[in-house]
Amino acid sequence: MRISRQLLDEVVAHARDEAPNECCGMIAAADGRAHAVHRARNAARTPKLRYEMDGQDQHDIFMAIEDAGYEIGAIYHSHPRSEPEPSQTDIDLAKWWPDPLYVIVGLEHPEPDVRAWRIVDGTVSGAALEVDDGPGT
């Protein structure tokens, strides 16, 4: 997926805003290009180090993405204290959403580390996240 620096910065800002808790949200896309970032509330915010997208937010975001003519290109969340690699919990949650990419923002180090993954049937593989300086839409 191609994503503008501006949209990626929005995802990283969300991760920083929610730290030390995990953030979560969705990225709207079309034809392999990200068009919008949608923040969601993490219903599992405290005291757990995991995310559970708020059900109402998930519904509202899904409808907004669909109404705009886009698809869910990625589901994102953060790992405030670890590398941006899918945990077993992340892999288990992905069974409900096998099509989107999974973007994870690692905040373990001063400079955020953002990686994308494809998770299908419990199998994890790295995915391309191409960042450019073009417009966010």
N, C-alpha and C. Protein backbone atom coordinates (compact mmCIF):
# COMPACT_ATOMS: atom_id res chain seq x y z
N MET A 1 0.85 -1.17 0.00
CA MET A 1 0.00 0.00 0.00
C MET A 1 0.90 1.23 0.00
N ARG A 2 0.50 2.21 -0.79
CA ARG A 2 1.19 3.51 -0.80
C ARG A 2 0.46 4.41 0.17
N ILE A 3 1.23 5.16 0.95
CA ILE A 3 0.66 6.08 1.92
C ILE A 3 1.49 7.36 1.93
N SER A 4 0.82 8.49 2.00
CA SER A 4 1.54 9.76 2.04
C SER A 4 2.20 9.93 3.40
N ARG A 5 3.24 10.72 3.43
CA ARG A 5 3.92 11.04 4.69
C ARG A 5 2.92 11.67 5.67
N GLN A 6 2.05 12.52 5.16
CA GLN A 6 1.05 13.19 5.99
C GLN A 6 0.14 12.18 6.70
N LEU A 7 -0.37 11.20 5.97
CA LEU A 7 -1.25 10.20 6.58
C LEU A 7 -0.49 9.31 7.55
N LEU A 8 0.72 8.94 7.19
CA LEU A 8 1.52 8.12 8.09
C LEU A 8 1.81 8.89 9.38
N ASP A 9 2.09 10.18 9.25
CA ASP A 9 2.32 11.02 10.43
C ASP A 9 1.08 11.05 11.33
N GLU A 10 -0.12 11.00 10.73
CA GLU A 10 -1.35 10.96 11.52
C GLU A 10 -1.43 9.67 12.34
N VAL A 11 -1.04 8.57 11.74
CA VAL A 11 -1.05 7.28 12.43
C VAL A 11 -0.06 7.31 13.60
N VAL A 12 1.15 7.81 13.34
CA VAL A 12 2.18 7.89 14.39
C VAL A 12 1.73 8.84 15.50
N ALA A 13 1.12 9.97 15.14
CA ALA A 13 0.62 10.91 16.15
C ALA A 13 -0.43 10.25 17.03
N HIS A 14 -1.29 9.45 16.44
CA HIS A 14 -2.30 8.74 17.21
C HIS A 14 -1.63 7.79 18.21
N ALA A 15 -0.61 7.07 17.75
CA ALA A 15 0.11 6.15 18.63
C ALA A 15 0.74 6.91 19.80
N ARG A 16 1.35 8.04 19.51
CA ARG A 16 1.98 8.83 20.58
C ARG A 16 0.93 9.41 21.52
N ASP A 17 -0.19 9.86 20.97
CA ASP A 17 -1.25 10.44 21.81
C ASP A 17 -1.80 9.43 22.81
N GLU A 18 -1.88 8.17 22.43
CA GLU A 18 -2.48 7.15 23.28
C GLU A 18 -1.49 6.46 24.21
N ALA A 19 -0.19 6.61 23.94
CA ALA A 19 0.82 5.95 24.78
C ALA A 19 0.66 6.42 26.22
N PRO A 20 0.79 5.52 27.18
CA PRO A 20 1.39 4.19 27.10
C PRO A 20 0.42 3.08 26.69
N ASN A 21 -0.82 3.42 26.35
CA ASN A 21 -1.78 2.43 25.87
C ASN A 21 -1.63 2.24 24.37
N GLU A 22 -2.18 1.17 23.85
CA GLU A 22 -2.17 0.95 22.41
C GLU A 22 -3.27 1.78 21.76
N CYS A 23 -2.99 2.30 20.58
CA CYS A 23 -4.01 2.98 19.79
C CYS A 23 -4.52 1.99 18.76
N CYS A 24 -5.62 2.35 18.08
CA CYS A 24 -6.11 1.52 16.99
C CYS A 24 -6.96 2.36 16.05
N GLY A 25 -7.06 1.90 14.82
CA GLY A 25 -7.86 2.60 13.83
C GLY A 25 -7.78 1.89 12.49
N MET A 26 -8.34 2.55 11.47
CA MET A 26 -8.37 1.99 10.13
C MET A 26 -7.87 3.01 9.12
N ILE A 27 -7.34 2.51 8.03
CA ILE A 27 -6.88 3.35 6.93
C ILE A 27 -7.73 3.03 5.72
N ALA A 28 -8.40 4.06 5.20
CA ALA A 28 -9.21 3.90 3.99
C ALA A 28 -8.29 3.93 2.78
N ALA A 29 -8.58 3.07 1.80
CA ALA A 29 -7.72 2.99 0.62
C ALA A 29 -8.53 2.65 -0.62
N ALA A 30 -7.93 2.88 -1.76
CA ALA A 30 -8.48 2.46 -3.05
C ALA A 30 -7.30 2.23 -3.98
N ASP A 31 -7.37 1.16 -4.72
CA ASP A 31 -6.34 0.83 -5.70
C ASP A 31 -4.93 0.84 -5.10
N GLY A 32 -4.81 0.34 -3.86
CA GLY A 32 -3.51 0.23 -3.24
C GLY A 32 -2.95 1.52 -2.68
N ARG A 33 -3.76 2.57 -2.62
CA ARG A 33 -3.29 3.87 -2.10
C ARG A 33 -4.16 4.30 -0.93
N ALA A 34 -3.52 4.69 0.17
CA ALA A 34 -4.23 5.18 1.35
C ALA A 34 -4.82 6.56 1.07
N HIS A 35 -6.05 6.78 1.57
CA HIS A 35 -6.72 8.06 1.36
C HIS A 35 -7.12 8.77 2.64
N ALA A 36 -7.30 8.03 3.72
CA ALA A 36 -7.72 8.66 4.97
C ALA A 36 -7.39 7.76 6.15
N VAL A 37 -7.12 8.39 7.29
CA VAL A 37 -6.87 7.68 8.54
C VAL A 37 -8.07 7.93 9.44
N HIS A 38 -8.59 6.86 10.03
CA HIS A 38 -9.74 6.95 10.93
C HIS A 38 -9.33 6.41 12.30
N ARG A 39 -9.27 7.29 13.28
CA ARG A 39 -8.95 6.87 14.65
C ARG A 39 -10.15 6.17 15.28
N ALA A 40 -9.86 5.19 16.11
CA ALA A 40 -10.91 4.51 16.88
C ALA A 40 -10.49 4.50 18.34
N ARG A 41 -11.46 4.36 19.20
CA ARG A 41 -11.17 4.22 20.63
C ARG A 41 -10.79 2.77 20.90
N ASN A 42 -9.83 2.59 21.78
CA ASN A 42 -9.41 1.27 22.20
C ASN A 42 -10.22 0.88 23.43
N ALA A 43 -11.16 -0.02 23.27
CA ALA A 43 -12.03 -0.44 24.37
C ALA A 43 -11.26 -1.24 25.43
N ALA A 44 -10.10 -1.77 25.09
CA ALA A 44 -9.28 -2.55 26.03
C ALA A 44 -8.13 -1.72 26.57
N ARG A 45 -8.30 -0.45 26.61
CA ARG A 45 -7.26 0.52 26.91
C ARG A 45 -6.46 0.27 28.18
N THR A 46 -7.11 0.10 29.27
CA THR A 46 -6.40 -0.04 30.53
C THR A 46 -6.96 -1.22 31.28
N PRO A 47 -6.19 -1.98 31.95
CA PRO A 47 -4.74 -1.92 32.10
C PRO A 47 -4.01 -2.83 31.11
N LYS A 48 -4.70 -3.33 30.10
CA LYS A 48 -4.12 -4.31 29.20
C LYS A 48 -3.27 -3.66 28.12
N LEU A 49 -2.28 -4.39 27.68
CA LEU A 49 -1.45 -3.95 26.56
C LEU A 49 -1.93 -4.67 25.31
N ARG A 50 -3.10 -4.28 24.86
CA ARG A 50 -3.68 -4.86 23.66
C ARG A 50 -4.71 -3.87 23.14
N TYR A 51 -5.22 -4.14 21.98
CA TYR A 51 -6.27 -3.27 21.48
C TYR A 51 -7.52 -4.07 21.17
N GLU A 52 -8.63 -3.41 21.34
CA GLU A 52 -9.93 -3.94 20.98
C GLU A 52 -10.73 -2.75 20.48
N MET A 53 -10.89 -2.67 19.18
CA MET A 53 -11.55 -1.52 18.60
C MET A 53 -12.98 -1.38 19.14
N ASP A 54 -13.31 -0.19 19.61
CA ASP A 54 -14.66 0.07 20.11
C ASP A 54 -15.66 -0.30 19.02
N GLY A 55 -16.67 -1.07 19.40
CA GLY A 55 -17.64 -1.59 18.43
C GLY A 55 -18.37 -0.51 17.65
N GLN A 56 -18.80 0.55 18.34
CA GLN A 56 -19.51 1.63 17.65
C GLN A 56 -18.57 2.37 16.71
N ASP A 57 -17.34 2.63 17.17
CA ASP A 57 -16.35 3.29 16.30
C ASP A 57 -16.08 2.43 15.07
N GLN A 58 -15.92 1.13 15.28
CA GLN A 58 -15.64 0.23 14.17
C GLN A 58 -16.77 0.31 13.13
N HIS A 59 -18.00 0.26 13.59
CA HIS A 59 -19.14 0.36 12.68
C HIS A 59 -19.15 1.70 11.95
N ASP A 60 -19.00 2.79 12.70
CA ASP A 60 -19.04 4.13 12.10
C ASP A 60 -17.92 4.33 11.07
N ILE A 61 -16.73 3.86 11.41
CA ILE A 61 -15.60 4.00 10.49
C ILE A 61 -15.84 3.17 9.23
N PHE A 62 -16.28 1.94 9.42
CA PHE A 62 -16.57 1.08 8.27
C PHE A 62 -17.57 1.75 7.34
N MET A 63 -18.64 2.31 7.90
CA MET A 63 -19.67 2.97 7.08
C MET A 63 -19.10 4.21 6.39
N ALA A 64 -18.29 5.00 7.08
CA ALA A 64 -17.70 6.20 6.48
C ALA A 64 -16.78 5.82 5.32
N ILE A 65 -15.99 4.77 5.51
CA ILE A 65 -15.09 4.32 4.44
C ILE A 65 -15.89 3.84 3.24
N GLU A 66 -16.91 3.04 3.50
CA GLU A 66 -17.76 2.52 2.42
C GLU A 66 -18.50 3.66 1.71
N ASP A 67 -19.06 4.60 2.47
CA ASP A 67 -19.79 5.72 1.89
C ASP A 67 -18.90 6.60 1.01
N ALA A 68 -17.62 6.67 1.35
CA ALA A 68 -16.67 7.47 0.57
C ALA A 68 -16.18 6.73 -0.67
N GLY A 69 -16.60 5.47 -0.82
CA GLY A 69 -16.20 4.70 -1.99
C GLY A 69 -14.85 4.03 -1.84
N TYR A 70 -14.37 3.91 -0.61
CA TYR A 70 -13.07 3.27 -0.36
C TYR A 70 -13.29 1.91 0.27
N GLU A 71 -12.18 1.27 0.58
CA GLU A 71 -12.20 -0.01 1.28
C GLU A 71 -11.26 0.11 2.47
N ILE A 72 -11.32 -0.87 3.37
CA ILE A 72 -10.39 -0.87 4.48
C ILE A 72 -9.06 -1.40 3.95
N GLY A 73 -8.13 -0.50 3.78
CA GLY A 73 -6.81 -0.88 3.26
C GLY A 73 -5.92 -1.45 4.34
N ALA A 74 -6.10 -0.93 5.57
CA ALA A 74 -5.27 -1.40 6.68
C ALA A 74 -5.98 -1.15 8.01
N ILE A 75 -5.69 -2.02 8.94
CA ILE A 75 -6.06 -1.84 10.33
C ILE A 75 -4.75 -1.54 11.04
N TYR A 76 -4.73 -0.48 11.83
CA TYR A 76 -3.48 -0.14 12.50
C TYR A 76 -3.64 -0.13 14.01
N HIS A 77 -2.52 -0.34 14.67
CA HIS A 77 -2.45 -0.18 16.12
C HIS A 77 -1.00 0.04 16.50
N SER A 78 -0.77 0.25 17.78
CA SER A 78 0.60 0.52 18.22
C SER A 78 1.05 -0.51 19.25
N HIS A 79 2.37 -0.62 19.34
CA HIS A 79 3.01 -1.41 20.38
C HIS A 79 3.91 -0.42 21.15
N PRO A 80 3.39 0.15 22.22
CA PRO A 80 4.15 1.17 22.95
C PRO A 80 5.46 0.68 23.56
N ARG A 81 5.54 -0.62 23.88
CA ARG A 81 6.72 -1.13 24.59
C ARG A 81 7.44 -2.27 23.88
N SER A 82 7.11 -2.48 22.62
CA SER A 82 7.74 -3.61 21.93
C SER A 82 7.88 -3.31 20.44
N GLU A 83 8.57 -4.22 19.79
CA GLU A 83 8.78 -4.10 18.34
C GLU A 83 7.43 -4.18 17.62
N PRO A 84 7.33 -3.57 16.45
CA PRO A 84 6.08 -3.60 15.68
C PRO A 84 5.88 -4.89 14.90
N GLU A 85 5.85 -5.98 15.63
CA GLU A 85 5.63 -7.30 15.04
C GLU A 85 4.36 -7.88 15.64
N PRO A 86 3.54 -8.56 14.84
CA PRO A 86 2.27 -9.08 15.34
C PRO A 86 2.46 -10.04 16.52
N SER A 87 1.71 -9.79 17.58
CA SER A 87 1.68 -10.69 18.72
C SER A 87 0.71 -11.83 18.39
N GLN A 88 0.67 -12.83 19.25
CA GLN A 88 -0.29 -13.91 19.03
C GLN A 88 -1.72 -13.38 19.11
N THR A 89 -1.96 -12.41 19.99
CA THR A 89 -3.28 -11.78 20.08
C THR A 89 -3.63 -11.10 18.77
N ASP A 90 -2.67 -10.38 18.18
CA ASP A 90 -2.89 -9.71 16.89
C ASP A 90 -3.24 -10.74 15.82
N ILE A 91 -2.52 -11.83 15.81
CA ILE A 91 -2.75 -12.88 14.81
C ILE A 91 -4.14 -13.49 15.00
N ASP A 92 -4.52 -13.71 16.25
CA ASP A 92 -5.84 -14.28 16.53
C ASP A 92 -6.95 -13.33 16.08
N LEU A 93 -6.79 -12.03 16.33
CA LEU A 93 -7.80 -11.05 15.94
C LEU A 93 -7.93 -10.93 14.42
N ALA A 94 -6.84 -11.15 13.72
CA ALA A 94 -6.82 -10.99 12.26
C ALA A 94 -7.70 -12.01 11.53
N LYS A 95 -8.09 -13.07 12.19
CA LYS A 95 -8.91 -14.08 11.51
C LYS A 95 -10.24 -13.49 11.06
N TRP A 96 -10.69 -12.43 11.72
CA TRP A 96 -11.96 -11.80 11.36
C TRP A 96 -11.80 -10.82 10.20
N TRP A 97 -10.57 -10.38 9.93
CA TRP A 97 -10.31 -9.39 8.89
C TRP A 97 -9.07 -9.82 8.08
N PRO A 98 -9.18 -10.82 7.21
CA PRO A 98 -8.00 -11.31 6.50
C PRO A 98 -7.53 -10.45 5.32
N ASP A 99 -8.38 -9.55 4.83
CA ASP A 99 -8.02 -8.79 3.63
C ASP A 99 -7.14 -7.56 3.87
N PRO A 100 -7.42 -6.75 4.88
CA PRO A 100 -6.59 -5.55 5.06
C PRO A 100 -5.18 -5.88 5.52
N LEU A 101 -4.28 -4.94 5.28
CA LEU A 101 -2.95 -5.03 5.87
C LEU A 101 -3.08 -4.70 7.35
N TYR A 102 -2.07 -5.07 8.10
CA TYR A 102 -1.98 -4.71 9.51
C TYR A 102 -0.75 -3.84 9.67
N VAL A 103 -0.96 -2.60 10.06
CA VAL A 103 0.12 -1.64 10.25
C VAL A 103 0.32 -1.48 11.75
N ILE A 104 1.56 -1.67 12.19
CA ILE A 104 1.87 -1.57 13.62
C ILE A 104 2.95 -0.51 13.80
N VAL A 105 2.69 0.40 14.75
CA VAL A 105 3.65 1.45 15.09
C VAL A 105 4.36 1.04 16.38
N GLY A 106 5.65 0.84 16.29
CA GLY A 106 6.45 0.51 17.48
C GLY A 106 7.00 1.78 18.09
N LEU A 107 6.77 1.94 19.38
CA LEU A 107 7.25 3.14 20.09
C LEU A 107 8.30 2.80 21.14
N GLU A 108 8.87 1.61 21.03
CA GLU A 108 9.86 1.16 22.01
C GLU A 108 11.09 2.06 22.02
N HIS A 109 11.46 2.60 20.87
CA HIS A 109 12.64 3.45 20.73
C HIS A 109 12.20 4.89 20.47
N PRO A 110 13.10 5.86 20.64
CA PRO A 110 12.71 7.26 20.43
C PRO A 110 12.12 7.54 19.04
N GLU A 111 12.66 6.89 18.01
CA GLU A 111 12.14 7.07 16.66
C GLU A 111 11.13 5.96 16.38
N PRO A 112 9.88 6.30 16.05
CA PRO A 112 8.87 5.26 15.78
C PRO A 112 9.29 4.35 14.62
N ASP A 113 8.93 3.09 14.75
CA ASP A 113 9.20 2.10 13.72
C ASP A 113 7.84 1.60 13.24
N VAL A 114 7.54 1.83 11.96
CA VAL A 114 6.24 1.45 11.41
C VAL A 114 6.44 0.34 10.39
N ARG A 115 5.70 -0.75 10.58
CA ARG A 115 5.80 -1.89 9.67
C ARG A 115 4.40 -2.37 9.29
N ALA A 116 4.32 -2.97 8.11
CA ALA A 116 3.04 -3.51 7.63
C ALA A 116 3.16 -5.02 7.49
N TRP A 117 2.03 -5.68 7.73
CA TRP A 117 1.98 -7.14 7.72
C TRP A 117 0.72 -7.62 7.02
N ARG A 118 0.81 -8.77 6.45
CA ARG A 118 -0.35 -9.49 5.94
C ARG A 118 -0.53 -10.68 6.88
N ILE A 119 -1.74 -10.86 7.40
CA ILE A 119 -2.02 -11.97 8.32
C ILE A 119 -3.23 -12.72 7.78
N VAL A 120 -2.99 -13.89 7.25
CA VAL A 120 -4.06 -14.70 6.65
C VAL A 120 -3.97 -16.12 7.19
N ASP A 121 -5.08 -16.59 7.74
CA ASP A 121 -5.15 -17.95 8.30
C ASP A 121 -4.02 -18.24 9.28
N GLY A 122 -3.67 -17.24 10.10
CA GLY A 122 -2.63 -17.42 11.10
C GLY A 122 -1.22 -17.30 10.59
N THR A 123 -1.06 -17.09 9.29
CA THR A 123 0.27 -16.95 8.71
C THR A 123 0.61 -15.47 8.55
N VAL A 124 1.76 -15.09 9.06
CA VAL A 124 2.20 -13.69 9.04
C VAL A 124 3.31 -13.52 8.01
N SER A 125 3.18 -12.49 7.18
CA SER A 125 4.25 -12.16 6.24
C SER A 125 4.37 -10.64 6.15
N GLY A 126 5.58 -10.18 5.93
CA GLY A 126 5.81 -8.75 5.78
C GLY A 126 5.11 -8.22 4.54
N ALA A 127 4.66 -6.99 4.59
CA ALA A 127 3.99 -6.36 3.46
C ALA A 127 4.62 -5.00 3.19
N ALA A 128 4.55 -4.57 1.95
CA ALA A 128 5.13 -3.28 1.57
C ALA A 128 4.24 -2.12 2.00
N LEU A 129 4.87 -1.14 2.61
CA LEU A 129 4.22 0.11 2.96
C LEU A 129 5.10 1.19 2.34
N GLU A 130 4.69 1.69 1.18
CA GLU A 130 5.49 2.66 0.45
C GLU A 130 5.05 4.07 0.84
N VAL A 131 5.99 4.82 1.42
CA VAL A 131 5.70 6.16 1.92
C VAL A 131 6.20 7.17 0.89
N ASP A 132 5.33 8.12 0.55
CA ASP A 132 5.74 9.19 -0.36
C ASP A 132 5.33 10.54 0.22
N ASP A 133 5.81 11.58 -0.39
CA ASP A 133 5.52 12.94 0.08
C ASP A 133 4.38 13.57 -0.67
N GLY A 134 3.59 12.74 -1.34
CA GLY A 134 2.43 13.24 -2.09
C GLY A 134 1.30 13.64 -1.16
N PRO A 135 0.20 14.12 -1.74
CA PRO A 135 -0.94 14.53 -0.92
C PRO A 135 -1.58 13.33 -0.22
N GLY A 136 -2.33 13.62 0.84
CA GLY A 136 -2.94 12.58 1.64
C GLY A 136 -4.10 11.88 0.98
N THR A 137 -4.60 12.40 -0.12
CA THR A 137 -5.74 11.75 -0.76
C THR A 137 -5.42 11.34 -2.17
